[in-house]
N, C-alpha and C. Protein backbone atom coordinates (compact mmCIF):
# COMPACT_ATOMS: atom_id res chain seq x y z
N UNK A 1 98.09 110.19 107.08
CA UNK A 1 99.14 110.91 107.76
C UNK A 1 100.31 111.16 106.80
N UNK A 2 100.80 112.35 106.78
CA UNK A 2 101.90 112.74 105.89
C UNK A 2 103.22 112.22 106.45
N UNK A 3 104.06 111.66 105.56
CA UNK A 3 105.36 111.13 105.96
C UNK A 3 106.35 112.28 106.18
N UNK A 4 107.26 112.09 107.13
CA UNK A 4 108.35 113.06 107.35
C UNK A 4 109.58 112.48 106.67
N UNK A 5 109.88 112.95 105.47
CA UNK A 5 110.98 112.41 104.68
C UNK A 5 112.28 113.08 105.07
N UNK A 6 113.35 112.29 105.03
CA UNK A 6 114.68 112.77 105.40
C UNK A 6 115.48 113.17 104.17
N UNK A 7 115.52 112.31 103.16
CA UNK A 7 116.36 112.52 101.98
C UNK A 7 115.52 112.77 100.74
N UNK A 8 116.14 113.43 99.74
CA UNK A 8 115.51 113.60 98.44
C UNK A 8 116.56 113.32 97.36
N UNK A 9 116.10 113.10 96.14
CA UNK A 9 117.01 112.79 95.04
C UNK A 9 118.04 113.91 94.90
N UNK A 10 119.29 113.52 94.74
CA UNK A 10 120.37 114.47 94.58
C UNK A 10 121.16 114.75 95.85
N UNK A 11 120.60 114.41 97.01
CA UNK A 11 121.33 114.62 98.27
C UNK A 11 122.60 113.76 98.29
N UNK A 12 123.67 114.35 98.80
CA UNK A 12 124.93 113.61 98.98
C UNK A 12 125.03 113.23 100.44
N UNK A 13 125.39 111.97 100.68
CA UNK A 13 125.37 111.43 102.04
C UNK A 13 126.61 110.61 102.33
N UNK A 14 126.78 110.30 103.61
CA UNK A 14 127.80 109.37 104.06
C UNK A 14 127.20 108.54 105.19
N UNK A 15 127.83 107.42 105.48
CA UNK A 15 127.36 106.57 106.58
C UNK A 15 128.39 106.65 107.70
N UNK A 16 127.96 106.97 108.92
CA UNK A 16 128.91 107.19 110.01
C UNK A 16 129.59 105.90 110.47
N UNK A 17 128.98 104.75 110.23
CA UNK A 17 129.58 103.48 110.66
C UNK A 17 130.36 102.80 109.54
N UNK A 18 130.04 103.13 108.29
CA UNK A 18 130.67 102.46 107.15
C UNK A 18 131.30 103.49 106.22
N UNK A 19 132.25 104.23 106.74
CA UNK A 19 132.88 105.28 105.94
C UNK A 19 133.60 104.72 104.72
N UNK A 20 133.96 103.43 104.75
CA UNK A 20 134.65 102.83 103.61
C UNK A 20 133.72 102.69 102.40
N UNK A 21 132.41 102.88 102.58
CA UNK A 21 131.50 102.90 101.43
C UNK A 21 131.75 104.13 100.58
N UNK A 22 132.28 105.19 101.19
CA UNK A 22 132.52 106.45 100.49
C UNK A 22 131.28 107.33 100.52
N UNK A 23 131.33 108.38 99.74
CA UNK A 23 130.21 109.31 99.63
C UNK A 23 129.15 108.67 98.73
N UNK A 24 127.90 108.89 99.08
CA UNK A 24 126.80 108.37 98.27
C UNK A 24 125.92 109.49 97.78
N UNK A 25 125.15 109.19 96.73
CA UNK A 25 124.19 110.14 96.20
C UNK A 25 122.84 109.44 96.06
N UNK A 26 121.79 110.11 96.54
CA UNK A 26 120.44 109.56 96.41
C UNK A 26 120.06 109.61 94.94
N UNK A 27 119.77 108.44 94.34
CA UNK A 27 119.45 108.37 92.92
C UNK A 27 117.98 108.07 92.66
N UNK A 28 117.26 107.63 93.70
CA UNK A 28 115.85 107.31 93.51
C UNK A 28 115.14 107.35 94.85
N UNK A 29 113.88 107.76 94.83
CA UNK A 29 113.03 107.67 96.00
C UNK A 29 111.66 107.19 95.56
N UNK A 30 111.05 106.36 96.38
CA UNK A 30 109.71 105.91 96.05
C UNK A 30 108.90 105.74 97.31
N UNK A 31 107.58 105.83 97.15
CA UNK A 31 106.66 105.87 98.29
C UNK A 31 105.50 104.92 98.05
N UNK A 32 105.07 104.28 99.10
CA UNK A 32 103.87 103.44 99.04
C UNK A 32 102.65 104.35 99.02
N UNK A 33 101.66 103.97 98.24
CA UNK A 33 100.41 104.74 98.20
C UNK A 33 99.40 104.20 99.19
N UNK A 34 99.77 103.14 99.92
CA UNK A 34 98.89 102.56 100.92
C UNK A 34 99.12 103.22 102.27
N UNK A 35 98.07 103.35 103.04
CA UNK A 35 98.20 103.92 104.38
C UNK A 35 99.13 103.04 105.21
N UNK A 36 100.10 103.65 105.86
CA UNK A 36 101.05 102.90 106.68
C UNK A 36 102.18 102.28 105.90
N UNK A 37 102.24 102.53 104.58
CA UNK A 37 103.30 101.98 103.74
C UNK A 37 104.62 102.69 103.95
N UNK A 38 105.68 102.09 103.42
CA UNK A 38 107.02 102.63 103.61
C UNK A 38 107.42 103.61 102.50
N UNK A 39 108.41 104.43 102.81
CA UNK A 39 109.09 105.30 101.85
C UNK A 39 110.54 104.85 101.81
N UNK A 40 111.08 104.73 100.62
CA UNK A 40 112.45 104.25 100.46
C UNK A 40 113.28 105.21 99.63
N UNK A 41 114.59 105.14 99.80
CA UNK A 41 115.53 105.81 98.91
C UNK A 41 116.58 104.80 98.49
N UNK A 42 117.10 104.98 97.28
CA UNK A 42 118.21 104.17 96.81
C UNK A 42 119.41 105.10 96.67
N UNK A 43 120.53 104.67 97.25
CA UNK A 43 121.75 105.49 97.29
C UNK A 43 122.87 104.74 96.59
N UNK A 44 123.54 105.42 95.67
CA UNK A 44 124.72 104.86 95.00
C UNK A 44 125.95 105.40 95.70
N UNK A 45 126.74 104.50 96.28
CA UNK A 45 127.95 104.88 97.00
C UNK A 45 129.18 104.75 96.11
N UNK A 46 130.28 105.40 96.51
CA UNK A 46 131.52 105.38 95.74
C UNK A 46 132.10 103.99 95.59
N UNK A 47 131.75 103.06 96.46
CA UNK A 47 132.27 101.69 96.32
C UNK A 47 131.57 100.94 95.19
N UNK A 48 130.63 101.60 94.51
CA UNK A 48 129.96 101.01 93.35
C UNK A 48 128.68 100.27 93.67
N UNK A 49 128.29 100.21 94.92
CA UNK A 49 127.09 99.49 95.31
C UNK A 49 125.93 100.45 95.56
N UNK A 50 124.75 100.00 95.14
CA UNK A 50 123.52 100.72 95.46
C UNK A 50 122.91 100.06 96.70
N UNK A 51 122.46 100.90 97.62
CA UNK A 51 121.84 100.39 98.83
C UNK A 51 120.53 101.13 99.06
N UNK A 52 119.52 100.42 99.53
CA UNK A 52 118.20 101.00 99.77
C UNK A 52 117.95 101.13 101.26
N UNK A 53 117.28 102.23 101.62
CA UNK A 53 117.01 102.53 103.02
C UNK A 53 115.59 103.07 103.17
N UNK A 54 115.02 102.90 104.35
CA UNK A 54 113.75 103.52 104.68
C UNK A 54 113.99 105.01 104.92
N UNK A 55 113.08 105.85 104.41
CA UNK A 55 113.30 107.29 104.39
C UNK A 55 112.24 108.05 105.19
N UNK A 56 111.63 107.45 106.18
CA UNK A 56 110.57 108.09 106.97
C UNK A 56 111.09 108.34 108.39
N UNK A 57 111.25 109.60 108.76
CA UNK A 57 111.79 109.94 110.09
C UNK A 57 110.90 109.47 111.23
N UNK A 58 109.64 109.15 110.97
CA UNK A 58 108.76 108.63 112.02
C UNK A 58 108.97 107.14 112.26
N UNK A 59 109.76 106.48 111.42
CA UNK A 59 110.04 105.06 111.57
C UNK A 59 111.35 104.88 112.34
N UNK A 60 111.37 103.94 113.27
CA UNK A 60 112.60 103.67 114.01
C UNK A 60 113.68 103.07 113.10
N UNK A 61 113.30 102.66 111.89
CA UNK A 61 114.24 102.07 110.94
C UNK A 61 114.70 103.06 109.88
N UNK A 62 114.40 104.34 110.07
CA UNK A 62 114.80 105.38 109.11
C UNK A 62 116.31 105.38 108.93
N UNK A 63 116.76 105.68 107.73
CA UNK A 63 118.19 105.69 107.43
C UNK A 63 118.96 106.67 108.32
N UNK A 64 118.32 107.73 108.78
CA UNK A 64 118.99 108.67 109.68
C UNK A 64 119.42 107.97 110.96
N UNK A 65 118.53 107.17 111.53
CA UNK A 65 118.81 106.50 112.79
C UNK A 65 119.81 105.36 112.62
N UNK A 66 119.97 104.88 111.39
CA UNK A 66 120.96 103.81 111.16
C UNK A 66 122.34 104.37 110.80
N UNK A 67 122.46 105.71 110.63
CA UNK A 67 123.78 106.30 110.43
C UNK A 67 123.99 107.10 109.16
N UNK A 68 123.00 107.24 108.33
CA UNK A 68 123.15 108.02 107.09
C UNK A 68 123.05 109.50 107.46
N UNK A 69 124.04 110.28 107.00
CA UNK A 69 124.05 111.73 107.26
C UNK A 69 124.26 112.49 105.96
N UNK A 70 123.55 113.61 105.83
CA UNK A 70 123.67 114.48 104.67
C UNK A 70 124.98 115.25 104.75
N UNK A 71 125.66 115.34 103.62
CA UNK A 71 126.88 116.15 103.52
C UNK A 71 126.49 117.51 102.97
N UNK A 72 126.88 118.58 103.65
CA UNK A 72 126.50 119.93 103.19
C UNK A 72 127.48 120.45 102.17
């Protein structure tokens, strides 16, 4: 089954609950090659911290559902 990915490298994002993190940029994405495996993204935020999130819209734990939004 093909994953429904939300973010890609270079996307600029913000978190609706943690605005003090600042704007973030997706710097890496990686995918499991196993059936049912996870897809992740790593985001570098303005506060200097990198944070990793699940990037599959079919997962209830996807970064979109936890508050990550793309900045246009």
